[in-house]
């Protein structure tokens, strides 16, 4: 009976470690500097976004809510040209985000 409890305890601890590691990795992947390649197109919507912009925009999409909560980054995601860049790249910028 003690062995079964030990195994269950070990599995639970490993599960918590995996979840914590996943959360840290997900947070580490949010890097707004990767979106610098999109700035010319955001500032001037007549400039089509380069492929690197679209690639990075898609990779950073899970971070958009985090960026929208930061006034330094929000201004870029809500700029008039940002919607056009996002549409061109096939990405959507959320209008509502859950509380972090």
Foldseek 3Di string as FASTA:
>chain_A
DVVVVVVVVVVVVVVVVVVVVVVVVVVVQQDCVQQPQCVVCLVPVVDARDPSNLVVCVSNQVCLVVQCVDVVRVCSCPRPRNCSNCVSSVHDRDPDDDDD
